[in-house]
N, C-alpha and C. Protein backbone atom coordinates (compact mmCIF):
# COMPACT_ATOMS: atom_id res chain seq x y z
N MET A 1 20.40 -6.68 15.70
CA MET A 1 20.21 -7.74 14.70
C MET A 1 19.01 -7.41 13.81
N LYS A 2 19.15 -7.54 12.53
CA LYS A 2 18.06 -7.23 11.61
C LYS A 2 16.94 -8.24 11.77
N ALA A 3 15.71 -7.74 11.83
CA ALA A 3 14.56 -8.60 12.12
C ALA A 3 14.23 -9.56 11.00
N LEU A 4 14.50 -9.15 9.73
CA LEU A 4 14.01 -9.97 8.62
C LEU A 4 15.05 -10.17 7.52
N LEU A 5 16.27 -10.46 7.89
CA LEU A 5 17.31 -10.68 6.89
C LEU A 5 16.97 -11.84 5.96
N PHE A 6 16.17 -12.79 6.46
CA PHE A 6 15.82 -13.95 5.66
C PHE A 6 14.99 -13.60 4.44
N LEU A 7 14.46 -12.39 4.39
CA LEU A 7 13.64 -11.98 3.25
C LEU A 7 14.43 -12.06 1.94
N THR A 8 15.71 -11.67 1.98
CA THR A 8 16.49 -11.65 0.74
C THR A 8 16.63 -13.04 0.15
N ALA A 9 16.63 -14.06 1.00
CA ALA A 9 16.76 -15.42 0.51
C ALA A 9 15.43 -16.01 0.06
N LEU A 10 14.34 -15.53 0.68
CA LEU A 10 13.05 -16.13 0.42
C LEU A 10 12.30 -15.51 -0.74
N PHE A 11 12.51 -14.21 -0.97
CA PHE A 11 11.61 -13.53 -1.90
C PHE A 11 11.91 -13.86 -3.36
N ALA A 12 10.90 -14.32 -4.06
CA ALA A 12 10.98 -14.51 -5.51
C ALA A 12 9.59 -14.29 -6.06
N SER A 13 9.36 -13.14 -6.67
CA SER A 13 8.03 -12.78 -7.14
C SER A 13 7.60 -13.63 -8.32
N PRO A 14 6.33 -14.05 -8.36
CA PRO A 14 5.84 -14.84 -9.48
C PRO A 14 5.62 -14.04 -10.75
N VAL A 15 5.61 -12.70 -10.63
CA VAL A 15 5.32 -11.90 -11.81
C VAL A 15 6.38 -10.84 -12.08
N LEU A 16 6.99 -10.32 -11.04
CA LEU A 16 7.97 -9.26 -11.21
C LEU A 16 9.34 -9.91 -11.43
N ALA A 17 9.82 -9.89 -12.64
CA ALA A 17 11.06 -10.59 -12.98
C ALA A 17 12.27 -9.79 -12.51
N VAL A 18 12.41 -9.66 -11.18
CA VAL A 18 13.47 -8.88 -10.59
C VAL A 18 14.12 -9.69 -9.48
N ASP A 19 15.44 -9.68 -9.42
CA ASP A 19 16.16 -10.36 -8.35
C ASP A 19 16.43 -9.35 -7.25
N TRP A 20 15.64 -9.43 -6.16
CA TRP A 20 15.78 -8.44 -5.09
C TRP A 20 17.05 -8.64 -4.27
N ASN A 21 17.79 -9.70 -4.54
CA ASN A 21 19.07 -9.87 -3.87
C ASN A 21 20.11 -8.89 -4.40
N THR A 22 19.93 -8.45 -5.64
CA THR A 22 20.90 -7.55 -6.27
C THR A 22 20.30 -6.20 -6.64
N GLU A 23 19.00 -6.11 -6.83
CA GLU A 23 18.37 -4.87 -7.26
C GLU A 23 17.77 -4.10 -6.09
N THR A 24 17.73 -2.79 -6.23
CA THR A 24 17.07 -1.95 -5.23
C THR A 24 15.57 -2.09 -5.36
N ILE A 25 14.90 -2.28 -4.25
CA ILE A 25 13.44 -2.41 -4.24
C ILE A 25 12.83 -1.02 -4.32
N ARG A 26 11.99 -0.81 -5.32
CA ARG A 26 11.28 0.46 -5.46
C ARG A 26 9.81 0.25 -5.11
N CYS A 27 9.24 1.19 -4.41
CA CYS A 27 7.80 1.18 -4.13
C CYS A 27 7.15 2.34 -4.87
N GLY A 28 6.01 2.07 -5.49
CA GLY A 28 5.40 3.06 -6.37
C GLY A 28 4.33 3.91 -5.72
N ASN A 29 4.24 5.15 -6.20
CA ASN A 29 3.12 6.04 -5.88
C ASN A 29 2.33 6.16 -7.18
N LEU A 30 1.15 5.52 -7.23
CA LEU A 30 0.41 5.41 -8.48
C LEU A 30 -0.11 6.74 -9.00
N VAL A 31 -0.01 6.91 -10.31
CA VAL A 31 -0.62 8.03 -11.03
C VAL A 31 -1.75 7.43 -11.85
N TYR A 32 -2.93 8.01 -11.78
CA TYR A 32 -4.12 7.38 -12.35
C TYR A 32 -5.15 8.43 -12.73
N GLY A 33 -6.21 7.98 -13.40
CA GLY A 33 -7.31 8.89 -13.75
C GLY A 33 -6.83 10.08 -14.56
N ASP A 34 -7.21 11.27 -14.13
CA ASP A 34 -6.83 12.50 -14.81
C ASP A 34 -5.52 13.02 -14.22
N ASN A 35 -4.45 12.21 -14.35
CA ASN A 35 -3.12 12.54 -13.83
C ASN A 35 -3.13 12.81 -12.32
N GLN A 36 -3.93 12.01 -11.60
CA GLN A 36 -4.05 12.19 -10.17
C GLN A 36 -3.06 11.31 -9.41
N THR A 37 -2.58 11.83 -8.30
CA THR A 37 -1.69 11.09 -7.42
C THR A 37 -1.71 11.83 -6.09
N SER A 38 -0.71 11.62 -5.26
CA SER A 38 -0.70 12.31 -3.97
C SER A 38 0.71 12.59 -3.50
N VAL A 39 0.88 13.74 -2.84
CA VAL A 39 2.14 14.05 -2.16
C VAL A 39 1.99 13.84 -0.66
N CYS A 40 0.81 13.43 -0.24
CA CYS A 40 0.51 13.33 1.19
C CYS A 40 0.54 11.90 1.73
N PHE A 41 1.47 11.10 1.23
CA PHE A 41 1.71 9.78 1.79
C PHE A 41 3.19 9.73 2.15
N ALA A 42 3.49 9.75 3.45
CA ALA A 42 4.88 9.85 3.92
C ALA A 42 5.71 8.66 3.47
N GLU A 43 6.95 8.94 3.06
CA GLU A 43 7.87 7.90 2.60
C GLU A 43 8.73 7.33 3.73
N THR A 44 8.62 7.87 4.92
CA THR A 44 9.53 7.51 6.01
C THR A 44 9.51 6.01 6.33
N PHE A 45 8.40 5.34 6.06
CA PHE A 45 8.33 3.90 6.36
C PHE A 45 9.27 3.08 5.48
N LEU A 46 9.66 3.61 4.32
CA LEU A 46 10.57 2.89 3.44
C LEU A 46 11.96 2.79 4.06
N THR A 47 12.43 3.88 4.64
CA THR A 47 13.73 3.88 5.30
C THR A 47 13.72 2.96 6.51
N GLU A 48 12.63 2.99 7.27
CA GLU A 48 12.54 2.13 8.45
C GLU A 48 12.50 0.66 8.05
N THR A 49 11.78 0.34 6.98
CA THR A 49 11.71 -1.05 6.52
C THR A 49 13.10 -1.54 6.12
N ALA A 50 13.84 -0.70 5.42
CA ALA A 50 15.20 -1.07 5.02
C ALA A 50 16.06 -1.35 6.25
N SER A 51 15.95 -0.52 7.26
CA SER A 51 16.72 -0.69 8.48
C SER A 51 16.34 -1.96 9.22
N GLU A 52 15.05 -2.26 9.28
CA GLU A 52 14.56 -3.41 10.04
C GLU A 52 14.83 -4.74 9.33
N THR A 53 14.89 -4.71 7.99
CA THR A 53 15.00 -5.96 7.24
C THR A 53 16.39 -6.22 6.66
N GLY A 54 17.19 -5.17 6.55
CA GLY A 54 18.49 -5.34 5.89
C GLY A 54 18.40 -5.34 4.38
N LEU A 55 17.24 -5.06 3.82
CA LEU A 55 17.06 -5.03 2.37
C LEU A 55 17.41 -3.66 1.81
N LYS A 56 17.77 -3.63 0.54
CA LYS A 56 18.08 -2.38 -0.14
C LYS A 56 16.80 -1.82 -0.73
N ILE A 57 16.22 -0.85 -0.05
CA ILE A 57 14.94 -0.26 -0.45
C ILE A 57 15.13 1.22 -0.73
N ASP A 58 14.68 1.66 -1.89
CA ASP A 58 14.77 3.08 -2.25
C ASP A 58 13.96 3.89 -1.24
N PRO A 59 14.55 4.93 -0.62
CA PRO A 59 13.82 5.71 0.38
C PRO A 59 12.77 6.65 -0.20
N LYS A 60 12.70 6.75 -1.53
CA LYS A 60 11.73 7.61 -2.20
C LYS A 60 10.78 6.78 -3.06
N PHE A 61 9.53 7.20 -3.12
CA PHE A 61 8.57 6.55 -4.00
C PHE A 61 8.97 6.76 -5.46
N ALA A 62 8.66 5.77 -6.28
CA ALA A 62 8.75 5.93 -7.73
C ALA A 62 7.37 6.35 -8.22
N ARG A 63 7.30 7.44 -8.95
CA ARG A 63 6.02 7.89 -9.51
C ARG A 63 5.70 7.00 -10.71
N ILE A 64 4.66 6.18 -10.60
CA ILE A 64 4.38 5.16 -11.60
C ILE A 64 2.95 5.29 -12.13
N ALA A 65 2.82 5.40 -13.43
CA ALA A 65 1.49 5.46 -14.06
C ALA A 65 0.87 4.07 -14.05
N LEU A 66 -0.32 3.96 -13.51
CA LEU A 66 -1.00 2.68 -13.38
C LEU A 66 -1.23 2.00 -14.72
N ALA A 67 -1.39 2.78 -15.78
CA ALA A 67 -1.69 2.20 -17.09
C ALA A 67 -0.47 1.63 -17.79
N THR A 68 0.74 1.80 -17.23
CA THR A 68 1.95 1.37 -17.90
C THR A 68 2.48 0.05 -17.34
N GLU A 69 3.39 -0.57 -18.09
CA GLU A 69 4.02 -1.82 -17.65
C GLU A 69 4.97 -1.60 -16.48
N GLU A 70 5.33 -0.36 -16.22
CA GLU A 70 6.26 -0.07 -15.12
C GLU A 70 5.71 -0.52 -13.77
N VAL A 71 4.39 -0.58 -13.66
CA VAL A 71 3.79 -1.00 -12.40
C VAL A 71 4.23 -2.41 -12.02
N PHE A 72 4.61 -3.21 -13.00
CA PHE A 72 5.00 -4.59 -12.73
C PHE A 72 6.47 -4.74 -12.33
N THR A 73 7.14 -3.60 -12.10
CA THR A 73 8.53 -3.64 -11.66
C THR A 73 8.67 -3.36 -10.17
N THR A 74 7.57 -3.29 -9.45
CA THR A 74 7.61 -2.99 -8.02
C THR A 74 6.69 -3.93 -7.25
N PRO A 75 7.10 -4.38 -6.06
CA PRO A 75 6.26 -5.30 -5.30
C PRO A 75 5.12 -4.63 -4.55
N LEU A 76 5.20 -3.30 -4.36
CA LEU A 76 4.18 -2.59 -3.57
C LEU A 76 3.97 -1.20 -4.13
N CYS A 77 2.70 -0.79 -4.19
CA CYS A 77 2.35 0.57 -4.59
C CYS A 77 1.38 1.17 -3.59
N VAL A 78 1.46 2.49 -3.42
CA VAL A 78 0.43 3.20 -2.66
C VAL A 78 -0.54 3.81 -3.67
N PHE A 79 -1.81 3.75 -3.33
CA PHE A 79 -2.89 4.23 -4.17
C PHE A 79 -3.69 5.20 -3.30
N THR A 80 -3.51 6.50 -3.56
CA THR A 80 -4.08 7.49 -2.66
C THR A 80 -4.34 8.79 -3.40
N GLY A 81 -5.03 9.70 -2.75
CA GLY A 81 -5.36 10.98 -3.35
C GLY A 81 -6.55 11.59 -2.65
N GLU A 82 -7.07 12.67 -3.23
CA GLU A 82 -8.22 13.36 -2.66
C GLU A 82 -9.21 13.68 -3.76
N GLY A 83 -10.50 13.69 -3.41
CA GLY A 83 -11.53 14.03 -4.37
C GLY A 83 -11.94 12.86 -5.26
N ASP A 84 -12.92 13.10 -6.10
CA ASP A 84 -13.46 12.07 -6.98
C ASP A 84 -12.46 11.71 -8.07
N PHE A 85 -12.55 10.51 -8.60
CA PHE A 85 -11.70 10.10 -9.72
C PHE A 85 -12.37 8.95 -10.45
N LYS A 86 -11.89 8.70 -11.66
CA LYS A 86 -12.38 7.58 -12.47
C LYS A 86 -11.21 6.97 -13.21
N LEU A 87 -11.05 5.65 -13.13
CA LEU A 87 -9.97 4.97 -13.82
C LEU A 87 -10.32 4.69 -15.27
N LYS A 88 -9.30 4.66 -16.10
CA LYS A 88 -9.46 4.25 -17.49
C LYS A 88 -9.52 2.73 -17.55
N ASP A 89 -10.05 2.19 -18.65
CA ASP A 89 -10.13 0.73 -18.80
C ASP A 89 -8.76 0.08 -18.67
N SER A 90 -7.73 0.71 -19.25
CA SER A 90 -6.38 0.16 -19.18
C SER A 90 -5.85 0.15 -17.76
N GLU A 91 -6.25 1.11 -16.96
CA GLU A 91 -5.82 1.18 -15.56
C GLU A 91 -6.51 0.10 -14.74
N ARG A 92 -7.79 -0.12 -14.99
CA ARG A 92 -8.50 -1.19 -14.28
C ARG A 92 -7.89 -2.55 -14.62
N ALA A 93 -7.56 -2.75 -15.90
CA ALA A 93 -6.97 -4.03 -16.32
C ALA A 93 -5.62 -4.26 -15.65
N ASN A 94 -4.79 -3.22 -15.60
CA ASN A 94 -3.49 -3.35 -14.97
C ASN A 94 -3.60 -3.55 -13.47
N LEU A 95 -4.55 -2.88 -12.85
CA LEU A 95 -4.76 -3.03 -11.42
C LEU A 95 -5.12 -4.48 -11.09
N ARG A 96 -6.01 -5.05 -11.88
CA ARG A 96 -6.41 -6.44 -11.67
C ARG A 96 -5.24 -7.38 -11.91
N ARG A 97 -4.51 -7.20 -13.00
CA ARG A 97 -3.39 -8.10 -13.33
C ARG A 97 -2.27 -7.98 -12.29
N TYR A 98 -2.03 -6.78 -11.83
CA TYR A 98 -0.98 -6.56 -10.82
C TYR A 98 -1.30 -7.31 -9.53
N LEU A 99 -2.53 -7.18 -9.05
CA LEU A 99 -2.90 -7.82 -7.79
C LEU A 99 -3.02 -9.33 -7.93
N GLU A 100 -3.49 -9.79 -9.07
CA GLU A 100 -3.66 -11.24 -9.27
C GLU A 100 -2.34 -11.97 -9.44
N ASN A 101 -1.29 -11.23 -9.74
CA ASN A 101 0.00 -11.87 -10.03
C ASN A 101 1.11 -11.50 -9.05
N GLY A 102 0.73 -11.16 -7.82
CA GLY A 102 1.74 -10.98 -6.78
C GLY A 102 1.98 -9.58 -6.31
N GLY A 103 1.39 -8.57 -6.96
CA GLY A 103 1.55 -7.19 -6.51
C GLY A 103 0.74 -6.91 -5.26
N PHE A 104 1.11 -5.85 -4.55
CA PHE A 104 0.45 -5.48 -3.30
C PHE A 104 0.19 -3.98 -3.30
N ILE A 105 -1.00 -3.59 -2.83
CA ILE A 105 -1.37 -2.17 -2.80
C ILE A 105 -1.83 -1.75 -1.41
N LEU A 106 -1.30 -0.58 -0.98
CA LEU A 106 -1.79 0.12 0.20
C LEU A 106 -2.66 1.27 -0.30
N SER A 107 -3.91 1.31 0.11
CA SER A 107 -4.79 2.37 -0.37
C SER A 107 -5.45 3.10 0.78
N SER A 108 -5.54 4.41 0.64
CA SER A 108 -6.28 5.22 1.61
C SER A 108 -6.43 6.63 1.04
N PRO A 109 -7.52 7.31 1.39
CA PRO A 109 -7.71 8.67 0.92
C PRO A 109 -6.86 9.67 1.68
N GLY A 110 -6.34 10.66 0.98
CA GLY A 110 -5.65 11.75 1.66
C GLY A 110 -6.64 12.57 2.47
N CYS A 111 -6.26 12.91 3.70
CA CYS A 111 -7.10 13.72 4.57
C CYS A 111 -8.49 13.11 4.78
N SER A 112 -8.54 11.77 4.74
CA SER A 112 -9.80 11.02 4.94
C SER A 112 -10.88 11.47 3.96
N SER A 113 -10.50 11.78 2.73
CA SER A 113 -11.42 12.31 1.72
C SER A 113 -12.53 11.30 1.40
N GLU A 114 -13.76 11.64 1.74
CA GLU A 114 -14.89 10.75 1.48
C GLU A 114 -15.17 10.58 -0.01
N PRO A 115 -15.09 11.64 -0.84
CA PRO A 115 -15.29 11.45 -2.28
C PRO A 115 -14.28 10.49 -2.89
N TRP A 116 -13.01 10.56 -2.43
CA TRP A 116 -12.00 9.63 -2.95
C TRP A 116 -12.33 8.21 -2.52
N ASP A 117 -12.69 8.04 -1.27
CA ASP A 117 -12.99 6.70 -0.77
C ASP A 117 -14.19 6.09 -1.50
N LYS A 118 -15.19 6.88 -1.77
CA LYS A 118 -16.36 6.41 -2.51
C LYS A 118 -15.98 5.98 -3.92
N ALA A 119 -15.14 6.80 -4.59
CA ALA A 119 -14.70 6.46 -5.94
C ALA A 119 -13.83 5.21 -5.93
N PHE A 120 -13.00 5.05 -4.90
CA PHE A 120 -12.15 3.88 -4.78
C PHE A 120 -12.98 2.60 -4.72
N HIS A 121 -14.01 2.59 -3.88
CA HIS A 121 -14.86 1.40 -3.76
C HIS A 121 -15.54 1.06 -5.09
N LYS A 122 -15.96 2.09 -5.80
CA LYS A 122 -16.60 1.87 -7.09
C LYS A 122 -15.61 1.27 -8.09
N GLU A 123 -14.40 1.81 -8.13
CA GLU A 123 -13.40 1.35 -9.09
C GLU A 123 -12.89 -0.05 -8.76
N ILE A 124 -12.74 -0.36 -7.50
CA ILE A 124 -12.31 -1.70 -7.11
C ILE A 124 -13.34 -2.74 -7.53
N ALA A 125 -14.61 -2.40 -7.38
CA ALA A 125 -15.68 -3.32 -7.79
C ALA A 125 -15.65 -3.56 -9.30
N LEU A 126 -15.29 -2.52 -10.08
CA LEU A 126 -15.21 -2.66 -11.53
C LEU A 126 -13.95 -3.42 -11.96
N ALA A 127 -12.85 -3.16 -11.27
CA ALA A 127 -11.57 -3.79 -11.64
C ALA A 127 -11.48 -5.23 -11.17
N LEU A 128 -12.11 -5.53 -10.03
CA LEU A 128 -11.99 -6.87 -9.44
C LEU A 128 -13.37 -7.44 -9.11
N PRO A 129 -14.19 -7.68 -10.11
CA PRO A 129 -15.51 -8.25 -9.85
C PRO A 129 -15.38 -9.60 -9.17
N GLY A 130 -16.20 -9.81 -8.16
CA GLY A 130 -16.15 -11.08 -7.44
C GLY A 130 -15.25 -11.05 -6.22
N HIS A 131 -14.51 -9.94 -6.04
CA HIS A 131 -13.64 -9.80 -4.87
C HIS A 131 -14.17 -8.67 -3.98
N GLU A 132 -14.41 -8.97 -2.73
CA GLU A 132 -14.93 -7.98 -1.79
C GLU A 132 -13.85 -7.49 -0.85
N LEU A 133 -14.00 -6.23 -0.42
CA LEU A 133 -13.18 -5.73 0.66
C LEU A 133 -13.71 -6.32 1.96
N LYS A 134 -12.86 -7.07 2.66
CA LYS A 134 -13.27 -7.72 3.90
C LYS A 134 -12.41 -7.24 5.06
N GLU A 135 -13.01 -7.24 6.24
CA GLU A 135 -12.26 -6.83 7.42
C GLU A 135 -11.11 -7.80 7.68
N ILE A 136 -9.93 -7.24 7.95
CA ILE A 136 -8.75 -8.06 8.21
C ILE A 136 -8.67 -8.32 9.71
N PRO A 137 -8.69 -9.58 10.14
CA PRO A 137 -8.61 -9.86 11.58
C PRO A 137 -7.28 -9.41 12.15
N MET A 138 -7.29 -8.98 13.41
CA MET A 138 -6.09 -8.44 14.03
C MET A 138 -5.01 -9.49 14.28
N ASP A 139 -5.35 -10.76 14.13
CA ASP A 139 -4.32 -11.80 14.26
C ASP A 139 -3.70 -12.17 12.92
N HIS A 140 -4.03 -11.41 11.85
CA HIS A 140 -3.44 -11.67 10.55
C HIS A 140 -1.96 -11.28 10.57
N GLU A 141 -1.18 -11.95 9.74
CA GLU A 141 0.27 -11.73 9.68
C GLU A 141 0.66 -10.29 9.37
N ILE A 142 -0.21 -9.55 8.68
CA ILE A 142 0.10 -8.16 8.33
C ILE A 142 0.34 -7.31 9.58
N PHE A 143 -0.17 -7.75 10.72
CA PHE A 143 -0.01 -7.00 11.96
C PHE A 143 1.16 -7.48 12.82
N SER A 144 2.02 -8.34 12.23
CA SER A 144 3.13 -8.84 13.05
C SER A 144 4.42 -9.13 12.28
N THR A 145 4.48 -8.85 10.98
CA THR A 145 5.68 -9.20 10.21
C THR A 145 6.93 -8.51 10.75
N VAL A 146 6.81 -7.26 11.15
CA VAL A 146 7.93 -6.52 11.76
C VAL A 146 7.49 -5.97 13.12
N HIS A 147 6.45 -5.15 13.09
CA HIS A 147 5.91 -4.57 14.32
C HIS A 147 4.68 -5.35 14.77
N LYS A 148 4.56 -5.59 16.05
CA LYS A 148 3.37 -6.22 16.61
C LYS A 148 2.34 -5.13 16.87
N ILE A 149 1.22 -5.21 16.16
CA ILE A 149 0.16 -4.21 16.29
C ILE A 149 -1.10 -4.91 16.81
N THR A 150 -1.61 -4.46 17.92
CA THR A 150 -2.78 -5.10 18.51
C THR A 150 -4.04 -4.24 18.43
N LYS A 151 -3.86 -2.95 18.11
CA LYS A 151 -5.01 -2.05 18.02
C LYS A 151 -4.67 -0.90 17.09
N LEU A 152 -5.66 -0.43 16.33
CA LEU A 152 -5.48 0.68 15.42
C LEU A 152 -6.25 1.88 15.95
N ASN A 153 -5.52 2.86 16.43
CA ASN A 153 -6.12 4.06 17.01
C ASN A 153 -6.25 5.16 15.97
N VAL A 154 -7.32 5.92 16.06
CA VAL A 154 -7.62 6.95 15.08
C VAL A 154 -7.34 8.33 15.66
N LYS A 155 -6.75 9.19 14.86
CA LYS A 155 -6.50 10.57 15.27
C LYS A 155 -7.82 11.22 15.69
N GLY A 156 -7.84 11.80 16.87
CA GLY A 156 -9.06 12.42 17.38
C GLY A 156 -9.83 11.52 18.33
N GLY A 157 -9.39 10.27 18.45
CA GLY A 157 -10.03 9.35 19.38
C GLY A 157 -10.72 8.19 18.71
N GLY A 158 -10.82 7.09 19.42
CA GLY A 158 -11.48 5.90 18.90
C GLY A 158 -10.51 4.96 18.22
N SER A 159 -11.05 3.87 17.71
CA SER A 159 -10.23 2.87 17.03
C SER A 159 -10.94 2.41 15.77
N THR A 160 -10.23 1.66 14.94
CA THR A 160 -10.81 1.21 13.68
C THR A 160 -10.17 -0.12 13.29
N ARG A 161 -10.59 -0.66 12.15
CA ARG A 161 -10.01 -1.88 11.60
C ARG A 161 -9.69 -1.63 10.13
N LEU A 162 -8.78 -2.39 9.59
CA LEU A 162 -8.46 -2.31 8.18
C LEU A 162 -9.29 -3.30 7.38
N LYS A 163 -9.50 -3.00 6.10
CA LYS A 163 -10.14 -3.93 5.20
C LYS A 163 -9.15 -4.33 4.11
N GLY A 164 -9.39 -5.47 3.50
CA GLY A 164 -8.48 -5.93 2.48
C GLY A 164 -9.15 -6.79 1.44
N ILE A 165 -8.42 -7.04 0.37
CA ILE A 165 -8.87 -7.96 -0.67
C ILE A 165 -7.92 -9.15 -0.67
N PHE A 166 -8.50 -10.34 -0.58
CA PHE A 166 -7.73 -11.58 -0.58
C PHE A 166 -7.91 -12.25 -1.94
N ILE A 167 -6.79 -12.64 -2.54
CA ILE A 167 -6.81 -13.33 -3.83
C ILE A 167 -6.08 -14.66 -3.67
N ASN A 168 -6.82 -15.75 -3.84
CA ASN A 168 -6.26 -17.10 -3.64
C ASN A 168 -5.60 -17.24 -2.28
N GLY A 169 -6.24 -16.67 -1.27
CA GLY A 169 -5.76 -16.78 0.09
C GLY A 169 -4.70 -15.77 0.48
N ARG A 170 -4.17 -15.03 -0.48
CA ARG A 170 -3.13 -14.03 -0.21
C ARG A 170 -3.76 -12.65 -0.07
N LEU A 171 -3.37 -11.93 0.97
CA LEU A 171 -3.81 -10.55 1.12
C LEU A 171 -3.08 -9.71 0.07
N ALA A 172 -3.83 -9.11 -0.85
CA ALA A 172 -3.23 -8.39 -1.98
C ALA A 172 -3.41 -6.88 -1.88
N LEU A 173 -4.39 -6.44 -1.09
CA LEU A 173 -4.65 -5.01 -0.97
C LEU A 173 -5.12 -4.71 0.45
N VAL A 174 -4.59 -3.65 1.03
CA VAL A 174 -5.00 -3.18 2.35
C VAL A 174 -5.57 -1.77 2.20
N HIS A 175 -6.74 -1.56 2.78
CA HIS A 175 -7.41 -0.26 2.64
C HIS A 175 -7.87 0.28 3.97
N SER A 176 -7.72 1.60 4.12
CA SER A 176 -8.25 2.31 5.28
C SER A 176 -8.97 3.56 4.82
N PRO A 177 -10.27 3.72 5.13
CA PRO A 177 -10.97 4.95 4.78
C PRO A 177 -10.49 6.14 5.61
N GLU A 178 -9.95 5.86 6.80
CA GLU A 178 -9.43 6.94 7.66
C GLU A 178 -8.10 7.45 7.13
N GLY A 179 -7.21 6.53 6.76
CA GLY A 179 -5.93 6.94 6.18
C GLY A 179 -4.73 6.25 6.77
N LEU A 180 -3.82 5.84 5.89
CA LEU A 180 -2.53 5.27 6.28
C LEU A 180 -1.39 6.19 5.83
N ASN A 181 -1.73 7.43 5.53
CA ASN A 181 -0.81 8.35 4.87
C ASN A 181 0.30 8.91 5.76
N ASN A 182 0.08 8.96 7.08
CA ASN A 182 1.07 9.55 7.98
C ASN A 182 1.46 10.94 7.48
N ALA A 183 0.43 11.74 7.16
CA ALA A 183 0.61 13.01 6.45
C ALA A 183 1.52 14.00 7.18
N ALA A 184 1.57 13.94 8.49
CA ALA A 184 2.40 14.88 9.25
C ALA A 184 3.87 14.74 8.90
N ASN A 185 4.27 13.58 8.39
CA ASN A 185 5.66 13.34 8.02
C ASN A 185 5.88 13.32 6.51
N ALA A 186 4.89 13.79 5.75
CA ALA A 186 5.00 13.85 4.29
C ALA A 186 5.45 15.24 3.87
N LYS A 187 6.63 15.33 3.24
CA LYS A 187 7.17 16.62 2.83
C LYS A 187 6.31 17.25 1.74
N GLY A 188 6.07 18.56 1.88
CA GLY A 188 5.30 19.29 0.89
C GLY A 188 3.81 19.09 0.99
N CYS A 189 3.35 18.47 2.08
CA CYS A 189 1.92 18.17 2.23
C CYS A 189 1.27 19.22 3.13
N CYS A 190 0.15 19.77 2.66
CA CYS A 190 -0.59 20.74 3.47
C CYS A 190 -1.86 20.12 4.03
N CYS A 191 -2.01 18.81 3.85
CA CYS A 191 -3.20 18.10 4.32
C CYS A 191 -3.20 17.99 5.83
N CYS A 192 -4.38 18.09 6.44
CA CYS A 192 -4.50 18.00 7.90
C CYS A 192 -4.35 16.57 8.40
N GLY A 193 -4.44 15.62 7.50
CA GLY A 193 -4.35 14.22 7.90
C GLY A 193 -5.70 13.59 8.19
N GLY A 194 -6.72 14.41 8.42
CA GLY A 194 -8.05 13.88 8.70
C GLY A 194 -8.06 12.99 9.92
N ALA A 195 -8.74 11.86 9.81
CA ALA A 195 -8.86 10.92 10.93
C ALA A 195 -7.91 9.75 10.76
N GLU A 196 -6.67 10.05 10.40
CA GLU A 196 -5.69 9.02 10.09
C GLU A 196 -5.46 8.04 11.25
N ILE A 197 -4.99 6.85 10.88
CA ILE A 197 -4.60 5.85 11.86
C ILE A 197 -3.24 6.23 12.44
N LEU A 198 -3.15 6.26 13.76
CA LEU A 198 -1.92 6.69 14.42
C LEU A 198 -0.77 5.71 14.21
N GLU A 199 -1.08 4.45 14.01
CA GLU A 199 -0.06 3.42 13.79
C GLU A 199 0.24 3.22 12.29
N ALA A 200 -0.05 4.24 11.48
CA ALA A 200 0.08 4.11 10.02
C ALA A 200 1.48 3.68 9.60
N LYS A 201 2.52 4.29 10.15
CA LYS A 201 3.87 3.94 9.72
C LYS A 201 4.20 2.49 10.02
N GLN A 202 3.80 2.01 11.18
CA GLN A 202 4.07 0.61 11.53
C GLN A 202 3.32 -0.34 10.60
N VAL A 203 2.07 -0.01 10.28
CA VAL A 203 1.30 -0.83 9.33
C VAL A 203 2.00 -0.87 7.98
N ASN A 204 2.48 0.27 7.53
CA ASN A 204 3.11 0.35 6.21
C ASN A 204 4.44 -0.42 6.16
N VAL A 205 5.22 -0.37 7.25
CA VAL A 205 6.44 -1.16 7.33
C VAL A 205 6.10 -2.65 7.22
N ASN A 206 5.10 -3.06 7.99
CA ASN A 206 4.67 -4.46 7.94
C ASN A 206 4.21 -4.85 6.54
N ALA A 207 3.54 -3.94 5.86
CA ALA A 207 2.99 -4.24 4.54
C ALA A 207 4.10 -4.52 3.53
N VAL A 208 5.19 -3.76 3.59
CA VAL A 208 6.30 -4.01 2.66
C VAL A 208 6.87 -5.40 2.90
N ALA A 209 7.11 -5.74 4.18
CA ALA A 209 7.66 -7.06 4.50
C ALA A 209 6.70 -8.17 4.06
N TYR A 210 5.42 -7.96 4.31
CA TYR A 210 4.42 -8.97 3.92
C TYR A 210 4.40 -9.13 2.39
N ALA A 211 4.43 -8.01 1.68
CA ALA A 211 4.39 -8.06 0.21
C ALA A 211 5.57 -8.84 -0.35
N LEU A 212 6.74 -8.70 0.26
CA LEU A 212 7.92 -9.40 -0.22
C LEU A 212 7.91 -10.88 0.12
N LEU A 213 7.24 -11.22 1.20
CA LEU A 213 7.16 -12.62 1.62
C LEU A 213 6.08 -13.39 0.88
N HIS A 214 5.12 -12.68 0.30
CA HIS A 214 3.99 -13.35 -0.32
C HIS A 214 3.83 -12.91 -1.78
């Protein structure tokens, strides 16, 4: 039995003028800065989400430029990469408008890249003044929409927590400095994965379901 068939009846985005009952759901891989993006974020969670929910979800990411209106045609985007970066003013404006109007972002550096993570924190502060990245409690719905997750284990040992941005009570962005990329299952990726979260795929499946419900 599909875990979340009710999603097709419930979901109606306040900003994305798309009927997910008839249209294929696309998830974006953001292109930003100096044409930066990532091939090291595994798409396998999209197929699993489709199987678990009964929804029609494209198994491949859509490559979407953050500065364009196309970003508003998808309920969820991944924002990832390696090394330093800087967003354009138009990209910051779109990032803010996307999140404030129902969009959802999964963000993490490829291979646990510290320069990328540092740049991300700087850009989020510029794009969303007044909104802080806060620790997400483990009893939040993001950890139970499809998979029940009680602990986040890190590759190499230890555990961690996710941080997020809440807008009007809704979780709009989930971030991990260690990584949610599941790089070992990303085709064409030569990244070691760094200190990635071992439950990354389950978190990402939950995130798609959460994004569609909220």
